[in-house]
Amino acid sequence: MLNAGLIVSKKAREIIGDEILKRVFDEAKLSYVAEMGDYILEDIRNNELRALLLVNENGKERWMEDIDQKLGVSPLAILIIPTNWFKGKTEDYIFTLLTAYSIRAELMDLVYRVQPTRSSSVSRRSLLKLKMYEYKPYPVLFAEVHAEKEINKAIESCPQGLIVKAPEGPSVAYPEKCTACGYCSASTYLGYLEIPVATTDQVVQFINTITQHYKEKPASILFTDSIIDEIPEGVFPFIMPCTAGVHDSFVMASYSAGLMPIVHVSSKCESREIALKRLEELPSHFPGTNLNILKAKDDEELEKILSTLKPIKIEKSEIPLDVILQRSRRRSLLIWSIEEMSKKIQLNQDDFVPGVYNVEVDPTKCVLCGVCVRACQMLVPELKNNNVLELSYNIPYCIGSQRCVKNCPENAITLTGFARISDLKVKIVNKASVTKCRFCGKPIGSEKVKNKVDTLLLQYGFAGTAQYTDICNDCKQKLLTKIWIERYLNIKKGVNTK
């Protein structure tokens, strides 16, 4: 986590109050809290701050210009929220919103992987300062990823064709051309390609902060690309560059944690077309329920939603942080959401879950050879070798790459489409007894594989070889060595071995 500071204007300090500011400082473990003044730049340097949360009435301040050159603070690591969000609000709301944004600022570490790009426009002021670059929050890799379907999905989704396959995974080839809409990040299954100012862990921590400190009242989370002037009590805005970057798991996790999700595309959004496309792609409701996901296509629709909003009372619960630390990241978050909601509401088991695929295996064709296990990059199939050989599929983590389907030598596997809620479990798809070596008793493999090999050997005239299919490699080597030695000794004695 970054060293982060909270800076407030004089008016914001009067509205929020010193007591709440002190509580936020302690709860978020901030490095610095102060009212804005002439000493700010010196304090940022002395406290070695790397991220800032600014609460004021004017937006970007003059002292923030060239802060990257003067202090090494990325402009992307500065969050600015308006003072009027806190007017007339309860202490619980003010404390919760400030804490949520303070923790979010501390989680801005990915912005320091963003390289400055050439400015799209040059002003006289920038020419005088020789500042010909700007910072864009284009998507960057959270960690290496090699899942073929995940990489291809990111590449195909970019409306400008800027995503390419790099050795570490999908990458933005021309950052200066990127609009930072985030659609590539939202379209993928696992979320390794992150929007640096709206990452998965930022969303999860933002939700958790609300559930921890705003427990007794209904609450909503508003994903938006603009600063809304008037925010009702209980609505917590999560500002991002563009809501085309909202992933399915974000809205589902919000509902499961006890918050009503609202997704808003502002009328002034620079990537409005792709944002509206993403808005349509988001689930209309939480799978298995009649809980609708509220969507606003413009500012007028949002105003209507906020004026008539009646948050549903759902028991609040925190999202375990280890959920997004797993290799499947956002897929794990999505599965947690469904499991958590099933504890609170009875789900319709026949409802489909978008993005999760169901696989069926024909046990009459499958010989339990294990090719599907080696082919799947998501580790969905698993082959357990005990007294009985057992093949199972962990359906919730299937992203539909069809690597198992394409590589199965027996054509025994079929991808049937999206999984139903009832399919979200580990399914045992085939079993067979284990063939053991007739000499030492060591397990060799599936009885089905042995029978298949025997049939092929006899079919192509290798009856002599078929007698060795129930012998392990070690015993086979000993047996063949014994036969070779006997033949060699017989040759030396002049005995015809043919």
Protein backbone atom coordinates (compact mmCIF):
# COMPACT_ATOMS: atom_id res chain seq x y z
CA MET A 1 0.00 0.00 0.00
CA LEU A 2 1.15 3.53 -0.79
CA ASN A 3 1.81 6.29 1.72
CA ALA A 4 -1.34 8.36 1.29
CA GLY A 5 -2.45 11.72 2.61
CA LEU A 6 -5.86 13.38 3.04
CA ILE A 7 -6.00 17.11 2.24
CA VAL A 8 -9.17 19.16 2.77
CA SER A 9 -10.15 22.74 2.03
CA LYS A 10 -11.14 25.10 4.83
CA LYS A 11 -14.84 24.71 3.99
CA ALA A 12 -14.54 20.91 3.78
CA ARG A 13 -12.86 20.86 7.19
CA GLU A 14 -15.74 22.87 8.70
CA ILE A 15 -18.35 20.48 7.25
CA ILE A 16 -16.52 17.23 8.05
CA GLY A 17 -15.11 18.21 11.44
CA ASP A 18 -11.75 17.48 13.05
CA GLU A 19 -13.07 14.51 15.04
CA ILE A 20 -14.12 12.62 11.90
CA LEU A 21 -10.85 13.52 10.17
CA LYS A 22 -8.93 12.04 13.11
CA ARG A 23 -11.04 8.86 13.00
CA VAL A 24 -10.44 8.52 9.23
CA PHE A 25 -6.69 9.03 9.79
CA ASP A 26 -6.63 6.18 12.34
CA GLU A 27 -8.99 3.81 10.51
CA ALA A 28 -7.38 4.12 7.07
CA LYS A 29 -3.86 4.25 8.56
CA LEU A 30 -3.07 7.39 6.59
CA SER A 31 0.35 9.01 6.70
CA TYR A 32 -0.92 12.59 6.67
CA VAL A 33 -4.07 14.70 7.17
CA ALA A 34 -4.16 18.50 6.85
CA GLU A 35 -6.06 21.55 5.69
CA MET A 36 -4.86 23.00 2.42
CA GLY A 37 -2.21 25.71 2.72
CA ASP A 38 1.07 27.08 1.37
CA TYR A 39 3.03 24.39 3.21
CA ILE A 40 1.38 21.46 1.41
CA LEU A 41 4.13 20.70 -1.12
CA GLU A 42 6.79 20.70 1.59
CA ASP A 43 4.68 18.40 3.77
CA ILE A 44 4.10 15.98 0.89
CA ARG A 45 7.86 15.80 0.35
CA ASN A 46 8.69 15.40 4.05
CA ASN A 47 6.06 12.68 4.59
CA GLU A 48 7.08 10.86 1.40
CA LEU A 49 3.49 10.69 0.19
CA ARG A 50 2.79 8.74 -3.00
CA ALA A 51 -0.98 9.16 -3.19
CA LEU A 52 -3.40 11.92 -2.21
CA LEU A 53 -7.11 12.32 -1.51
CA LEU A 54 -8.26 15.91 -1.96
CA VAL A 55 -11.65 17.22 -0.76
CA ASN A 56 -12.39 20.72 -2.08
CA GLU A 57 -14.77 22.92 -4.08
CA ASN A 58 -12.55 23.73 -7.07
CA GLY A 59 -11.31 20.41 -8.38
CA LYS A 60 -7.70 20.45 -9.52
CA GLU A 61 -5.56 22.98 -7.63
CA ARG A 62 -2.71 25.10 -9.03
CA TRP A 63 -0.15 23.57 -6.65
CA MET A 64 -0.81 20.17 -8.22
CA GLU A 65 0.73 21.25 -11.53
CA ASP A 66 4.03 19.47 -12.24
CA ILE A 67 3.68 17.49 -9.00
CA ASP A 68 5.22 14.51 -10.80
CA GLN A 69 8.37 16.50 -11.60
CA LYS A 70 8.60 18.29 -8.25
CA LEU A 71 7.70 15.45 -5.87
CA GLY A 72 7.53 12.26 -7.92
CA VAL A 73 3.80 11.85 -7.27
CA SER A 74 1.84 10.53 -10.24
CA PRO A 75 -1.16 12.76 -11.14
CA LEU A 76 -3.15 9.52 -11.48
CA ALA A 77 -2.56 8.82 -7.78
CA ILE A 78 -4.55 11.93 -6.78
CA LEU A 79 -8.26 11.47 -6.08
CA ILE A 80 -10.44 14.59 -5.92
CA ILE A 81 -13.97 14.56 -4.48
CA PRO A 82 -16.27 17.57 -3.94
CA THR A 83 -17.09 19.11 -0.57
CA ASN A 84 -20.84 19.18 -1.29
CA TRP A 85 -21.00 15.36 -1.08
CA PHE A 86 -20.73 15.79 2.69
CA LYS A 87 -23.25 18.61 3.18
CA GLY A 88 -26.22 17.63 5.32
CA LYS A 89 -25.04 14.03 5.69
CA THR A 90 -24.86 11.92 8.85
CA GLU A 91 -21.53 11.35 10.60
CA ASP A 92 -21.66 7.65 9.66
CA TYR A 93 -21.96 8.48 5.97
CA ILE A 94 -19.20 11.12 6.03
CA PHE A 95 -16.81 8.85 7.91
CA THR A 96 -17.55 5.85 5.68
CA LEU A 97 -17.18 7.70 2.37
CA LEU A 98 -13.94 9.45 3.45
CA THR A 99 -12.46 6.19 4.75
CA ALA A 100 -13.42 4.30 1.58
CA TYR A 101 -11.70 6.89 -0.63
CA SER A 102 -8.67 7.10 1.67
CA ILE A 103 -8.11 3.35 1.47
CA ARG A 104 -8.69 3.48 -2.29
CA ALA A 105 -5.91 6.11 -2.56
CA GLU A 106 -3.55 3.78 -0.70
CA LEU A 107 -4.24 1.06 -3.29
CA MET A 108 -3.17 3.19 -6.28
CA ASP A 109 0.17 1.36 -6.68
CA LEU A 110 -0.59 0.24 -10.27
CA VAL A 111 -0.56 3.85 -11.48
CA TYR A 112 3.22 3.81 -11.11
CA ARG A 113 3.39 1.22 -13.90
CA VAL A 114 1.77 3.71 -16.27
CA GLN A 115 4.25 5.50 -18.51
CA PRO A 116 3.57 9.12 -19.59
CA THR A 117 2.44 9.49 -23.19
CA ARG A 118 2.78 12.30 -25.69
CA SER A 119 0.14 14.99 -25.14
CA SER A 120 -2.79 14.87 -27.54
CA SER A 121 -2.97 18.69 -27.43
CA VAL A 122 -0.27 21.28 -26.77
CA SER A 123 -0.99 24.61 -25.07
CA ARG A 124 1.22 27.69 -24.88
CA ARG A 125 1.65 27.03 -21.15
CA SER A 126 2.88 23.48 -21.73
CA LEU A 127 5.29 24.69 -24.40
CA LEU A 128 6.80 27.24 -22.03
CA LYS A 129 7.22 24.54 -19.40
CA LEU A 130 8.49 22.03 -21.97
CA LYS A 131 5.81 19.65 -20.77
CA MET A 132 4.77 17.70 -23.86
CA TYR A 133 3.41 14.62 -22.11
CA GLU A 134 0.36 13.50 -20.12
CA TYR A 135 -0.70 10.57 -17.95
CA LYS A 136 -3.50 8.28 -19.14
CA PRO A 137 -4.96 5.52 -16.94
CA TYR A 138 -4.60 2.92 -19.70
CA PRO A 139 -4.95 -0.73 -18.56
CA VAL A 140 -1.84 -2.46 -17.22
CA LEU A 141 -1.15 -6.05 -16.17
CA PHE A 142 -1.64 -6.90 -12.51
CA ALA A 143 0.51 -10.03 -12.94
CA GLU A 144 1.57 -12.43 -15.67
CA VAL A 145 -1.23 -14.45 -17.25
CA HIS A 146 -0.97 -17.21 -19.85
CA ALA A 147 -4.58 -18.40 -20.17
CA GLU A 148 -5.14 -18.36 -23.94
CA LYS A 149 -8.85 -17.51 -23.79
CA GLU A 150 -8.25 -14.66 -21.34
CA ILE A 151 -5.57 -13.11 -23.56
CA ASN A 152 -7.59 -13.51 -26.76
CA LYS A 153 -10.68 -12.01 -25.12
CA ALA A 154 -8.73 -8.87 -24.18
CA ILE A 155 -7.26 -8.57 -27.69
CA GLU A 156 -10.63 -9.00 -29.42
CA SER A 157 -12.47 -6.59 -27.13
CA CYS A 158 -10.44 -3.41 -27.78
CA PRO A 159 -12.53 -1.21 -30.11
CA GLN A 160 -9.32 0.35 -31.51
CA GLY A 161 -7.32 -2.87 -31.83
CA LEU A 162 -4.58 -1.63 -29.48
CA ILE A 163 -4.21 -4.78 -27.34
CA VAL A 164 -1.45 -7.19 -28.33
CA LYS A 165 -0.07 -10.42 -26.90
CA ALA A 166 3.16 -9.86 -24.97
CA PRO A 167 5.25 -12.53 -23.16
CA GLU A 168 3.60 -11.55 -19.85
CA GLY A 169 0.05 -11.45 -21.25
CA PRO A 170 -2.20 -8.86 -22.98
CA SER A 171 -0.71 -5.38 -23.23
CA VAL A 172 -1.63 -1.96 -24.67
CA ALA A 173 0.64 -1.49 -27.70
CA TYR A 174 0.05 2.24 -28.26
CA PRO A 175 -0.86 3.91 -24.93
CA GLU A 176 -1.01 7.36 -26.54
CA LYS A 177 -3.96 6.20 -28.69
CA CYS A 178 -5.80 4.48 -25.82
CA THR A 179 -8.96 6.23 -24.59
CA ALA A 180 -8.71 4.45 -21.20
CA CYS A 181 -12.32 3.26 -21.51
CA GLY A 182 -11.44 0.01 -19.71
CA TYR A 183 -13.67 -2.15 -21.92
CA CYS A 184 -10.85 -4.66 -22.45
CA SER A 185 -10.51 -5.09 -18.68
CA ALA A 186 -14.26 -5.51 -18.11
CA SER A 187 -14.65 -8.00 -20.98
CA THR A 188 -12.12 -10.51 -19.68
CA TYR A 189 -12.95 -13.34 -17.30
CA LEU A 190 -10.18 -13.10 -14.71
CA GLY A 191 -9.25 -9.41 -14.62
CA TYR A 192 -5.48 -9.54 -14.95
CA LEU A 193 -5.61 -6.48 -17.21
CA GLU A 194 -6.53 -3.77 -14.70
CA ILE A 195 -7.57 -0.12 -14.91
CA PRO A 196 -4.89 1.32 -12.58
CA VAL A 197 -7.25 3.84 -10.94
CA ALA A 198 -10.15 1.37 -10.54
CA THR A 199 -8.62 -2.02 -9.77
CA THR A 200 -10.36 -5.11 -8.44
CA ASP A 201 -8.84 -4.72 -4.99
CA GLN A 202 -9.89 -1.05 -4.89
CA VAL A 203 -13.51 -2.03 -5.64
CA VAL A 204 -13.48 -4.84 -3.06
CA GLN A 205 -11.97 -2.64 -0.33
CA PHE A 206 -14.43 0.16 -1.18
CA ILE A 207 -17.35 -2.26 -0.77
CA ASN A 208 -15.91 -3.72 2.44
CA THR A 209 -15.46 -0.28 3.99
CA ILE A 210 -19.14 0.50 3.40
CA THR A 211 -20.29 -2.82 4.85
CA GLN A 212 -18.05 -2.34 7.92
CA HIS A 213 -19.00 1.23 8.83
CA TYR A 214 -22.49 1.76 7.37
CA LYS A 215 -24.02 -1.41 8.73
CA GLU A 216 -27.40 -0.37 10.05
CA LYS A 217 -28.71 1.52 7.02
CA PRO A 218 -29.50 0.50 3.43
CA ALA A 219 -26.74 1.51 1.03
CA SER A 220 -26.01 1.68 -2.70
CA ILE A 221 -22.79 1.87 -4.68
CA LEU A 222 -22.81 4.10 -7.76
CA PHE A 223 -20.29 3.31 -10.50
CA THR A 224 -19.94 6.52 -12.49
CA ASP A 225 -17.50 8.37 -14.75
CA SER A 226 -18.37 11.86 -13.52
CA ILE A 227 -18.67 13.85 -10.29
CA ILE A 228 -22.38 14.10 -9.47
CA ASP A 229 -23.43 17.39 -7.85
CA GLU A 230 -26.08 16.04 -5.49
CA ILE A 231 -25.65 12.61 -3.89
CA PRO A 232 -28.37 11.31 -1.52
CA GLU A 233 -27.49 9.86 1.87
CA GLY A 234 -26.65 6.16 1.56
CA VAL A 235 -25.40 6.34 -2.06
CA PHE A 236 -21.62 5.90 -2.30
CA PRO A 237 -20.13 7.03 -5.66
CA PHE A 238 -17.18 5.09 -7.08
CA ILE A 239 -15.68 7.37 -9.73
CA MET A 240 -13.76 5.74 -12.59
CA PRO A 241 -12.49 6.96 -16.00
CA CYS A 242 -15.36 5.21 -17.83
CA THR A 243 -18.01 2.73 -16.75
CA ALA A 244 -17.13 0.55 -19.75
CA GLY A 245 -14.61 -0.82 -17.23
CA VAL A 246 -17.25 -2.21 -14.82
CA HIS A 247 -16.91 -6.01 -14.60
CA ASP A 248 -19.85 -8.36 -13.96
CA SER A 249 -18.26 -9.47 -10.70
CA PHE A 250 -18.23 -5.87 -9.38
CA VAL A 251 -22.00 -5.46 -9.52
CA MET A 252 -22.66 -9.01 -8.31
CA ALA A 253 -20.23 -8.69 -5.39
CA SER A 254 -21.90 -5.39 -4.45
CA TYR A 255 -25.31 -7.06 -4.21
CA SER A 256 -23.98 -10.05 -2.27
CA ALA A 257 -22.24 -7.73 0.19
CA GLY A 258 -25.57 -5.99 0.83
CA LEU A 259 -25.25 -2.94 -1.46
CA MET A 260 -27.51 -2.08 -4.38
CA PRO A 261 -25.36 -1.47 -7.50
CA ILE A 262 -26.07 1.41 -9.89
CA VAL A 263 -24.09 1.84 -13.13
CA HIS A 264 -24.17 5.27 -14.75
CA VAL A 265 -22.92 6.43 -18.16
CA SER A 266 -22.75 10.21 -18.02
CA SER A 267 -23.98 12.36 -20.89
CA LYS A 268 -20.46 13.81 -21.24
CA CYS A 269 -18.57 10.50 -21.26
CA GLU A 270 -15.80 10.68 -23.90
CA SER A 271 -16.18 6.95 -24.67
CA ARG A 272 -19.97 7.00 -24.49
CA GLU A 273 -20.59 4.55 -27.33
CA ILE A 274 -18.48 1.74 -25.87
CA ALA A 275 -19.76 2.56 -22.36
CA LEU A 276 -23.37 2.09 -23.49
CA LYS A 277 -22.40 -1.18 -25.16
CA ARG A 278 -20.90 -2.41 -21.89
CA LEU A 279 -23.99 -1.22 -20.00
CA GLU A 280 -26.13 -3.49 -22.20
CA GLU A 281 -23.77 -6.43 -21.66
CA LEU A 282 -23.92 -6.21 -17.87
CA PRO A 283 -26.43 -8.65 -16.32
CA SER A 284 -29.93 -7.20 -16.01
CA HIS A 285 -30.39 -8.92 -12.66
CA PHE A 286 -28.50 -10.98 -10.11
CA PRO A 287 -28.62 -14.61 -11.37
CA GLY A 288 -31.30 -16.68 -9.68
CA THR A 289 -33.13 -13.67 -8.24
CA ASN A 290 -35.40 -10.80 -9.28
CA LEU A 291 -32.93 -8.23 -7.93
CA ASN A 292 -32.40 -5.80 -10.80
CA ILE A 293 -29.10 -4.06 -11.53
CA LEU A 294 -29.95 -0.39 -11.97
CA LYS A 295 -28.55 1.16 -15.16
CA ALA A 296 -28.59 4.84 -16.15
CA LYS A 297 -27.83 5.65 -19.79
CA ASP A 298 -27.49 9.39 -19.13
CA ASP A 299 -27.63 12.03 -16.40
CA GLU A 300 -31.41 12.39 -16.66
CA GLU A 301 -31.97 8.67 -16.03
CA LEU A 302 -29.60 8.76 -13.07
CA GLU A 303 -31.45 11.69 -11.54
CA LYS A 304 -34.70 9.76 -11.88
CA ILE A 305 -33.17 6.63 -10.29
CA LEU A 306 -31.70 8.57 -7.36
CA SER A 307 -34.93 10.48 -6.72
CA THR A 308 -37.01 7.27 -6.53
CA LEU A 309 -34.35 4.99 -5.05
CA LYS A 310 -35.57 2.50 -2.48
CA PRO A 311 -32.57 0.37 -1.48
CA ILE A 312 -33.41 -3.23 -0.72
CA LYS A 313 -32.52 -4.32 2.80
CA ILE A 314 -29.99 -7.12 2.36
CA GLU A 315 -27.82 -8.38 5.18
CA LYS A 316 -24.35 -6.89 4.80
CA SER A 317 -21.26 -9.05 4.64
CA GLU A 318 -17.57 -8.46 3.92
CA ILE A 319 -15.80 -9.92 0.92
CA PRO A 320 -12.88 -12.09 2.10
CA LEU A 321 -9.71 -10.56 0.67
CA ASP A 322 -8.23 -13.96 -0.17
CA VAL A 323 -10.98 -14.38 -2.79
CA ILE A 324 -9.25 -12.00 -5.22
CA LEU A 325 -5.78 -13.28 -4.30
CA GLN A 326 -6.53 -16.59 -6.00
CA ARG A 327 -5.22 -17.16 -9.52
CA SER A 328 -8.75 -16.89 -10.95
CA ARG A 329 -9.26 -13.40 -9.37
CA ARG A 330 -12.55 -11.92 -10.67
CA ARG A 331 -13.95 -15.37 -11.44
CA SER A 332 -13.41 -16.26 -7.78
CA LEU A 333 -15.17 -13.02 -6.81
CA LEU A 334 -18.13 -13.86 -9.05
CA ILE A 335 -18.45 -17.37 -7.59
CA TRP A 336 -18.17 -16.00 -4.05
CA SER A 337 -21.01 -13.60 -4.88
CA ILE A 338 -23.37 -16.40 -5.90
CA GLU A 339 -22.45 -18.59 -2.94
CA GLU A 340 -22.88 -15.68 -0.52
CA MET A 341 -26.23 -14.61 -2.00
CA SER A 342 -27.49 -18.20 -1.76
CA LYS A 343 -27.07 -17.93 2.04
CA LYS A 344 -29.40 -14.89 2.11
CA ILE A 345 -31.93 -15.58 -0.64
CA GLN A 346 -33.23 -18.77 -2.23
CA LEU A 347 -31.87 -18.80 -5.77
CA ASN A 348 -33.58 -20.14 -8.90
CA GLN A 349 -31.28 -23.07 -9.72
CA ASP A 350 -32.29 -23.07 -13.40
CA ASP A 351 -31.10 -19.52 -14.05
CA PHE A 352 -27.98 -19.14 -16.20
CA VAL A 353 -24.76 -17.43 -15.08
CA PRO A 354 -23.23 -15.37 -17.95
CA GLY A 355 -19.54 -16.06 -18.54
CA VAL A 356 -19.51 -19.42 -16.74
CA TYR A 357 -19.63 -22.43 -19.07
CA ASN A 358 -20.91 -25.96 -18.57
CA VAL A 359 -19.08 -29.05 -19.79
CA GLU A 360 -20.45 -32.57 -20.30
CA VAL A 361 -18.35 -35.72 -20.65
CA ASP A 362 -19.67 -38.92 -22.26
CA PRO A 363 -18.49 -41.70 -19.89
CA THR A 364 -18.96 -44.33 -22.62
CA LYS A 365 -16.32 -42.59 -24.76
CA CYS A 366 -13.98 -41.19 -22.08
CA VAL A 367 -11.09 -43.54 -21.26
CA LEU A 368 -9.67 -41.32 -18.45
CA CYS A 369 -6.44 -40.71 -20.33
CA GLY A 370 -5.91 -37.30 -18.66
CA VAL A 371 -5.35 -35.25 -21.84
CA CYS A 372 -8.07 -32.77 -20.81
CA VAL A 373 -6.38 -32.26 -17.44
CA ARG A 374 -3.08 -31.35 -19.11
CA ALA A 375 -4.74 -29.13 -21.74
CA CYS A 376 -6.90 -26.93 -19.47
CA GLN A 377 -5.15 -23.74 -18.33
CA MET A 378 -7.85 -23.02 -15.73
CA LEU A 379 -7.33 -26.38 -13.94
CA VAL A 380 -11.04 -27.19 -14.31
CA PRO A 381 -10.66 -30.97 -14.86
CA GLU A 382 -8.90 -33.04 -12.20
CA LEU A 383 -7.94 -36.71 -12.27
CA LYS A 384 -7.68 -38.43 -8.88
CA ASN A 385 -5.79 -41.69 -8.76
CA ASN A 386 -6.73 -43.83 -5.76
CA ASN A 387 -8.20 -47.34 -5.85
CA VAL A 388 -10.65 -45.90 -8.38
CA LEU A 389 -9.59 -43.43 -11.07
CA GLU A 390 -11.98 -40.44 -10.93
CA LEU A 391 -12.32 -37.51 -13.36
CA SER A 392 -14.07 -34.39 -12.05
CA TYR A 393 -14.79 -30.92 -13.50
CA ASN A 394 -14.84 -27.77 -11.34
CA ILE A 395 -17.50 -26.06 -13.47
CA PRO A 396 -17.53 -22.61 -11.77
CA TYR A 397 -14.04 -21.88 -13.10
CA CYS A 398 -14.64 -22.83 -16.73
CA ILE A 399 -14.20 -19.84 -19.09
CA GLY A 400 -15.13 -21.79 -22.23
CA SER A 401 -11.68 -22.03 -23.85
CA GLN A 402 -12.62 -25.52 -25.20
CA ARG A 403 -9.02 -26.71 -24.93
CA CYS A 404 -10.32 -29.93 -23.38
CA VAL A 405 -12.85 -30.33 -26.22
CA LYS A 406 -10.28 -29.80 -28.98
CA ASN A 407 -7.62 -32.05 -27.43
CA CYS A 408 -9.78 -35.01 -26.35
CA PRO A 409 -8.68 -37.99 -28.52
CA GLU A 410 -12.04 -39.74 -28.01
CA ASN A 411 -14.32 -36.73 -28.76
CA ALA A 412 -15.99 -37.36 -25.42
CA ILE A 413 -16.28 -33.73 -24.22
CA THR A 414 -18.95 -31.18 -25.15
CA LEU A 415 -19.33 -27.51 -24.19
CA THR A 416 -23.07 -27.01 -23.74
CA GLY A 417 -23.15 -23.23 -23.21
CA PHE A 418 -23.62 -21.10 -20.10
CA ALA A 419 -23.87 -22.99 -16.82
CA ARG A 420 -26.98 -22.92 -14.65
CA ILE A 421 -26.67 -22.14 -10.95
CA SER A 422 -27.30 -25.84 -10.26
CA ASP A 423 -24.19 -26.67 -12.32
CA LEU A 424 -21.87 -24.55 -10.17
CA LYS A 425 -20.13 -27.38 -8.38
CA VAL A 426 -17.43 -29.98 -8.80
CA LYS A 427 -18.99 -32.70 -10.98
CA ILE A 428 -17.64 -36.25 -11.14
CA VAL A 429 -17.98 -37.10 -14.82
CA ASN A 430 -16.33 -40.54 -15.06
CA LYS A 431 -14.89 -43.35 -12.96
CA ALA A 432 -12.94 -46.51 -13.69
CA SER A 433 -10.99 -49.13 -11.79
CA VAL A 434 -7.21 -48.80 -11.77
CA THR A 435 -5.09 -51.35 -13.65
CA LYS A 436 -2.27 -52.66 -11.49
CA CYS A 437 0.93 -54.36 -12.53
CA ARG A 438 0.49 -58.13 -12.39
CA PHE A 439 4.01 -58.53 -11.01
CA CYS A 440 4.53 -55.76 -8.41
CA GLY A 441 0.98 -54.39 -7.97
CA LYS A 442 1.94 -50.78 -8.84
CA PRO A 443 -0.98 -48.71 -10.28
CA ILE A 444 -0.55 -48.23 -14.03
CA GLY A 445 -3.59 -46.26 -15.14
CA SER A 446 -7.20 -46.51 -16.16
CA GLU A 447 -8.67 -49.93 -16.97
CA LYS A 448 -10.41 -48.18 -19.87
CA VAL A 449 -7.10 -47.00 -21.35
CA LYS A 450 -5.65 -50.53 -21.06
CA ASN A 451 -8.67 -52.06 -22.82
CA LYS A 452 -8.49 -49.41 -25.55
CA VAL A 453 -4.77 -50.06 -26.14
CA ASP A 454 -5.35 -53.84 -26.16
CA THR A 455 -8.06 -53.45 -28.80
CA LEU A 456 -5.84 -51.28 -31.03
CA LEU A 457 -2.83 -53.61 -30.72
CA LEU A 458 -4.91 -56.67 -31.64
CA GLN A 459 -6.63 -54.75 -34.45
CA TYR A 460 -3.29 -53.91 -36.09
CA GLY A 461 -1.72 -57.34 -35.57
CA PHE A 462 0.45 -56.77 -32.49
CA ALA A 463 -0.94 -59.60 -30.37
CA GLY A 464 2.48 -60.32 -28.88
CA THR A 465 2.82 -56.77 -27.58
CA ALA A 466 -0.70 -56.80 -26.11
CA GLN A 467 0.38 -59.27 -23.43
CA TYR A 468 2.55 -56.57 -21.79
CA THR A 469 -0.10 -53.84 -21.30
CA ASP A 470 -0.79 -54.89 -17.71
CA ILE A 471 2.88 -54.62 -16.67
CA CYS A 472 4.46 -51.42 -15.31
CA ASN A 473 7.52 -49.93 -17.01
CA ASP A 474 9.96 -51.09 -14.32
CA CYS A 475 8.77 -54.70 -14.41
CA LYS A 476 8.53 -54.58 -18.21
CA GLN A 477 12.17 -53.50 -18.39
CA LYS A 478 13.21 -56.34 -16.06
CA LEU A 479 11.19 -58.87 -18.02
CA LEU A 480 12.51 -57.76 -21.40
CA THR A 481 16.09 -57.68 -20.03
CA LYS A 482 15.66 -61.26 -18.80
CA ILE A 483 14.36 -62.37 -22.21
CA TRP A 484 17.27 -60.60 -23.95
CA ILE A 485 19.88 -62.22 -21.67
CA GLU A 486 18.37 -65.68 -22.17
CA ARG A 487 18.46 -65.22 -25.94
CA TYR A 488 22.07 -63.96 -25.81
CA LEU A 489 23.21 -66.95 -23.75
CA ASN A 490 21.39 -69.37 -26.04
CA ILE A 491 23.09 -67.79 -29.08
CA LYS A 492 26.49 -68.29 -27.43
CA LYS A 493 25.60 -71.95 -26.82
CA GLY A 494 24.56 -72.28 -30.46
CA VAL A 495 20.92 -72.81 -29.66
CA ASN A 496 18.50 -71.51 -32.29
CA THR A 497 16.20 -69.02 -30.51
CA LYS A 498 13.90 -68.48 -33.42
